[in-house]
Amino acid sequence: MSEAKSEESSAEGAALNALLSACPCGKVPTAIYVYADSDRPKWAYCHGNCCGEWNIEFRAGYADLASDEIQRLSEEAWNAAPRAPADNAD
């Protein structure tokens, strides 16, 4: 990977980190993964790439799993979910 692309990827990761709230594990995910039982679900689940232990169920509104809309909805649900203070941070 070229140095310019590496710096660009780092900047994108830092920008995403600034947009996502910390997981109860104590880490801030760099990505949110969305999964569901169908391609256009009414409800879906998401989890961060930090630990995969904490899942959020959110209303997907029949958005396509590959769409920007469902990613936006998952990030909003992730950030809006209540959290207790992390006592197991590494």
N, C-alpha and C. Protein backbone atom coordinates (compact mmCIF):
# COMPACT_ATOMS: atom_id res chain seq x y z
N MET A 1 0.86 -1.18 0.00
CA MET A 1 0.00 0.00 0.00
C MET A 1 0.90 1.23 0.00
N SER A 2 0.56 2.21 -0.79
CA SER A 2 1.37 3.42 -0.84
C SER A 2 1.18 4.22 0.43
N GLU A 3 2.15 5.09 0.70
CA GLU A 3 2.08 5.91 1.91
C GLU A 3 0.88 6.84 1.89
N ALA A 4 0.55 7.41 0.72
CA ALA A 4 -0.60 8.31 0.60
C ALA A 4 -1.89 7.57 0.92
N LYS A 5 -2.05 6.32 0.39
CA LYS A 5 -3.25 5.55 0.67
C LYS A 5 -3.31 5.17 2.14
N SER A 6 -2.16 4.85 2.74
CA SER A 6 -2.11 4.49 4.15
C SER A 6 -2.56 5.66 5.02
N GLU A 7 -2.06 6.85 4.71
CA GLU A 7 -2.46 8.04 5.46
C GLU A 7 -3.95 8.31 5.28
N GLU A 8 -4.46 8.11 4.05
CA GLU A 8 -5.88 8.32 3.78
C GLU A 8 -6.72 7.34 4.59
N SER A 9 -6.32 6.06 4.62
CA SER A 9 -7.04 5.05 5.39
C SER A 9 -7.02 5.38 6.87
N SER A 10 -5.89 5.85 7.37
CA SER A 10 -5.79 6.21 8.79
C SER A 10 -6.71 7.38 9.11
N ALA A 11 -6.77 8.34 8.19
CA ALA A 11 -7.64 9.50 8.40
C ALA A 11 -9.10 9.08 8.40
N GLU A 12 -9.48 8.16 7.48
CA GLU A 12 -10.86 7.68 7.44
C GLU A 12 -11.20 6.93 8.72
N GLY A 13 -10.29 6.09 9.20
CA GLY A 13 -10.51 5.34 10.45
C GLY A 13 -10.64 6.27 11.63
N ALA A 14 -9.82 7.31 11.69
CA ALA A 14 -9.90 8.28 12.78
C ALA A 14 -11.22 9.04 12.73
N ALA A 15 -11.68 9.38 11.52
CA ALA A 15 -12.95 10.09 11.38
C ALA A 15 -14.10 9.21 11.84
N LEU A 16 -14.07 7.92 11.49
CA LEU A 16 -15.12 7.00 11.91
C LEU A 16 -15.09 6.83 13.42
N ASN A 17 -13.89 6.69 14.01
CA ASN A 17 -13.78 6.57 15.47
C ASN A 17 -14.41 7.75 16.17
N ALA A 18 -14.27 8.94 15.60
CA ALA A 18 -14.84 10.13 16.22
C ALA A 18 -16.37 10.09 16.17
N LEU A 19 -16.93 9.29 15.24
CA LEU A 19 -18.37 9.23 15.09
C LEU A 19 -19.02 8.12 15.91
N LEU A 20 -18.26 7.12 16.34
CA LEU A 20 -18.81 5.98 17.06
C LEU A 20 -18.50 6.08 18.56
N SER A 21 -19.49 5.72 19.35
CA SER A 21 -19.30 5.69 20.80
C SER A 21 -18.54 4.43 21.19
N ALA A 22 -17.91 4.49 22.35
CA ALA A 22 -17.15 3.35 22.85
C ALA A 22 -18.08 2.18 23.18
N CYS A 23 -17.56 1.01 23.01
CA CYS A 23 -18.25 -0.23 23.36
C CYS A 23 -18.12 -0.43 24.88
N PRO A 24 -19.02 -1.18 25.50
CA PRO A 24 -18.86 -1.49 26.92
C PRO A 24 -17.55 -2.23 27.24
N CYS A 25 -16.90 -2.83 26.23
CA CYS A 25 -15.62 -3.49 26.47
C CYS A 25 -14.52 -2.47 26.72
N GLY A 26 -14.82 -1.19 26.44
CA GLY A 26 -13.85 -0.13 26.67
C GLY A 26 -13.15 0.35 25.41
N LYS A 27 -13.32 -0.35 24.31
CA LYS A 27 -12.67 0.05 23.06
C LYS A 27 -13.67 0.77 22.16
N VAL A 28 -13.15 1.60 21.25
CA VAL A 28 -13.98 2.28 20.26
C VAL A 28 -13.85 1.49 18.96
N PRO A 29 -14.95 0.96 18.44
CA PRO A 29 -14.87 0.19 17.20
C PRO A 29 -14.50 1.07 16.01
N THR A 30 -13.85 0.48 15.05
CA THR A 30 -13.53 1.18 13.81
C THR A 30 -14.51 0.82 12.72
N ALA A 31 -15.39 -0.16 12.99
CA ALA A 31 -16.42 -0.56 12.03
C ALA A 31 -17.60 -1.15 12.79
N ILE A 32 -18.78 -1.02 12.19
CA ILE A 32 -20.00 -1.63 12.72
C ILE A 32 -20.47 -2.65 11.70
N TYR A 33 -20.69 -3.88 12.14
CA TYR A 33 -21.16 -4.95 11.27
C TYR A 33 -22.66 -5.14 11.48
N VAL A 34 -23.39 -5.26 10.38
CA VAL A 34 -24.84 -5.41 10.40
C VAL A 34 -25.20 -6.81 9.90
N TYR A 35 -26.13 -7.45 10.58
CA TYR A 35 -26.61 -8.76 10.14
C TYR A 35 -28.08 -8.90 10.45
N ALA A 36 -28.76 -9.75 9.67
CA ALA A 36 -30.20 -9.97 9.82
C ALA A 36 -30.57 -11.28 9.15
N ASP A 37 -31.84 -11.67 9.29
CA ASP A 37 -32.33 -12.93 8.72
C ASP A 37 -32.71 -12.82 7.25
N SER A 38 -32.79 -11.60 6.72
CA SER A 38 -33.16 -11.42 5.32
C SER A 38 -32.37 -10.26 4.74
N ASP A 39 -32.49 -10.06 3.43
CA ASP A 39 -31.76 -8.98 2.76
C ASP A 39 -32.37 -7.60 3.00
N ARG A 40 -33.66 -7.56 3.32
CA ARG A 40 -34.35 -6.30 3.56
C ARG A 40 -35.18 -6.43 4.85
N PRO A 41 -34.51 -6.45 6.00
CA PRO A 41 -35.19 -6.75 7.26
C PRO A 41 -35.94 -5.55 7.85
N LYS A 42 -36.96 -5.87 8.62
CA LYS A 42 -37.63 -4.83 9.41
C LYS A 42 -36.76 -4.48 10.61
N TRP A 43 -36.15 -5.50 11.23
CA TRP A 43 -35.25 -5.34 12.37
C TRP A 43 -33.92 -6.00 12.02
N ALA A 44 -32.83 -5.45 12.49
CA ALA A 44 -31.51 -6.02 12.26
C ALA A 44 -30.67 -5.87 13.53
N TYR A 45 -29.50 -6.44 13.51
CA TYR A 45 -28.57 -6.39 14.64
C TYR A 45 -27.24 -5.83 14.15
N CYS A 46 -26.52 -5.21 15.06
CA CYS A 46 -25.18 -4.74 14.71
C CYS A 46 -24.25 -4.93 15.91
N HIS A 47 -22.97 -5.02 15.60
CA HIS A 47 -21.95 -5.07 16.65
C HIS A 47 -20.68 -4.43 16.12
N GLY A 48 -19.86 -3.98 17.03
CA GLY A 48 -18.59 -3.36 16.65
C GLY A 48 -17.54 -4.40 16.34
N ASN A 49 -16.48 -3.99 15.67
CA ASN A 49 -15.40 -4.91 15.37
C ASN A 49 -14.39 -5.01 16.50
N CYS A 50 -14.71 -4.44 17.65
CA CYS A 50 -13.76 -4.46 18.77
C CYS A 50 -13.80 -5.79 19.52
N CYS A 51 -14.98 -6.26 19.90
CA CYS A 51 -15.06 -7.49 20.68
C CYS A 51 -16.12 -8.45 20.15
N GLY A 52 -17.14 -7.93 19.49
CA GLY A 52 -18.21 -8.78 18.96
C GLY A 52 -19.14 -9.33 20.03
N GLU A 53 -18.97 -8.90 21.26
CA GLU A 53 -19.77 -9.41 22.38
C GLU A 53 -21.06 -8.62 22.58
N TRP A 54 -21.06 -7.34 22.25
CA TRP A 54 -22.20 -6.47 22.53
C TRP A 54 -22.95 -6.22 21.23
N ASN A 55 -24.22 -6.61 21.20
CA ASN A 55 -25.06 -6.47 20.02
C ASN A 55 -26.20 -5.50 20.27
N ILE A 56 -26.56 -4.78 19.26
CA ILE A 56 -27.68 -3.83 19.32
C ILE A 56 -28.72 -4.27 18.30
N GLU A 57 -29.97 -4.37 18.73
CA GLU A 57 -31.06 -4.60 17.79
C GLU A 57 -31.61 -3.23 17.42
N PHE A 58 -31.86 -3.02 16.15
CA PHE A 58 -32.38 -1.73 15.72
C PHE A 58 -33.38 -1.91 14.59
N ARG A 59 -34.24 -0.91 14.43
CA ARG A 59 -35.24 -0.95 13.36
C ARG A 59 -34.57 -0.57 12.05
N ALA A 60 -34.57 -1.50 11.11
CA ALA A 60 -33.92 -1.29 9.82
C ALA A 60 -34.88 -0.75 8.77
N GLY A 61 -36.18 -0.87 9.02
CA GLY A 61 -37.16 -0.30 8.11
C GLY A 61 -37.12 -0.86 6.70
N TYR A 62 -36.75 -2.13 6.56
CA TYR A 62 -36.70 -2.82 5.28
C TYR A 62 -35.62 -2.28 4.34
N ALA A 63 -34.62 -1.59 4.90
CA ALA A 63 -33.50 -1.12 4.08
C ALA A 63 -32.65 -2.31 3.66
N ASP A 64 -32.08 -2.24 2.48
CA ASP A 64 -31.22 -3.31 1.98
C ASP A 64 -29.97 -3.42 2.84
N LEU A 65 -29.55 -4.65 3.15
CA LEU A 65 -28.38 -4.86 4.02
C LEU A 65 -27.11 -4.26 3.44
N ALA A 66 -27.03 -4.11 2.13
CA ALA A 66 -25.82 -3.57 1.50
C ALA A 66 -25.89 -2.05 1.31
N SER A 67 -26.92 -1.40 1.84
CA SER A 67 -27.12 0.03 1.58
C SER A 67 -26.43 0.93 2.60
N ASP A 68 -26.19 2.15 2.18
CA ASP A 68 -25.66 3.17 3.10
C ASP A 68 -26.69 3.50 4.17
N GLU A 69 -27.96 3.39 3.83
CA GLU A 69 -29.05 3.70 4.78
C GLU A 69 -28.99 2.78 6.00
N ILE A 70 -28.81 1.49 5.78
CA ILE A 70 -28.79 0.57 6.92
C ILE A 70 -27.52 0.78 7.75
N GLN A 71 -26.43 1.16 7.11
CA GLN A 71 -25.21 1.46 7.85
C GLN A 71 -25.42 2.69 8.73
N ARG A 72 -26.08 3.70 8.18
CA ARG A 72 -26.38 4.92 8.95
C ARG A 72 -27.28 4.58 10.14
N LEU A 73 -28.32 3.78 9.89
CA LEU A 73 -29.23 3.40 10.97
C LEU A 73 -28.52 2.59 12.06
N SER A 74 -27.61 1.72 11.66
CA SER A 74 -26.88 0.91 12.65
C SER A 74 -25.95 1.79 13.49
N GLU A 75 -25.29 2.75 12.86
CA GLU A 75 -24.41 3.66 13.60
C GLU A 75 -25.20 4.53 14.56
N GLU A 76 -26.37 5.00 14.14
CA GLU A 76 -27.23 5.78 15.03
C GLU A 76 -27.68 4.94 16.22
N ALA A 77 -28.08 3.69 15.96
CA ALA A 77 -28.51 2.80 17.05
C ALA A 77 -27.35 2.52 18.00
N TRP A 78 -26.16 2.28 17.45
CA TRP A 78 -24.98 2.01 18.27
C TRP A 78 -24.72 3.20 19.21
N ASN A 79 -24.73 4.39 18.67
CA ASN A 79 -24.42 5.57 19.47
C ASN A 79 -25.52 5.91 20.48
N ALA A 80 -26.77 5.57 20.17
CA ALA A 80 -27.90 5.91 21.04
C ALA A 80 -28.10 4.90 22.18
N ALA A 81 -27.52 3.73 22.07
CA ALA A 81 -27.72 2.68 23.09
C ALA A 81 -27.10 3.09 24.42
N PRO A 82 -27.84 2.88 25.52
CA PRO A 82 -27.27 3.23 26.84
C PRO A 82 -26.12 2.29 27.21
N ARG A 83 -25.16 2.82 27.93
CA ARG A 83 -23.99 2.06 28.32
C ARG A 83 -23.68 2.27 29.80
N ALA A 84 -23.23 1.22 30.41
CA ALA A 84 -22.70 1.31 31.78
C ALA A 84 -21.20 1.56 31.65
N PRO A 85 -20.59 2.13 32.65
CA PRO A 85 -19.13 2.33 32.58
C PRO A 85 -18.40 1.01 32.39
N ALA A 86 -17.39 1.01 31.57
CA ALA A 86 -16.61 -0.21 31.33
C ALA A 86 -15.67 -0.45 32.52
N ASP A 87 -15.75 -1.66 33.07
CA ASP A 87 -14.84 -1.99 34.15
C ASP A 87 -13.87 -3.10 33.74
N ASN A 88 -13.93 -3.47 32.46
CA ASN A 88 -13.07 -4.55 31.99
C ASN A 88 -12.18 -4.10 30.83
N ALA A 89 -11.91 -2.79 30.74
CA ALA A 89 -11.09 -2.28 29.65
C ALA A 89 -9.67 -2.81 29.78
N ASP A 90 -9.12 -3.17 28.63
CA ASP A 90 -7.73 -3.68 28.62
C ASP A 90 -6.75 -2.54 28.57
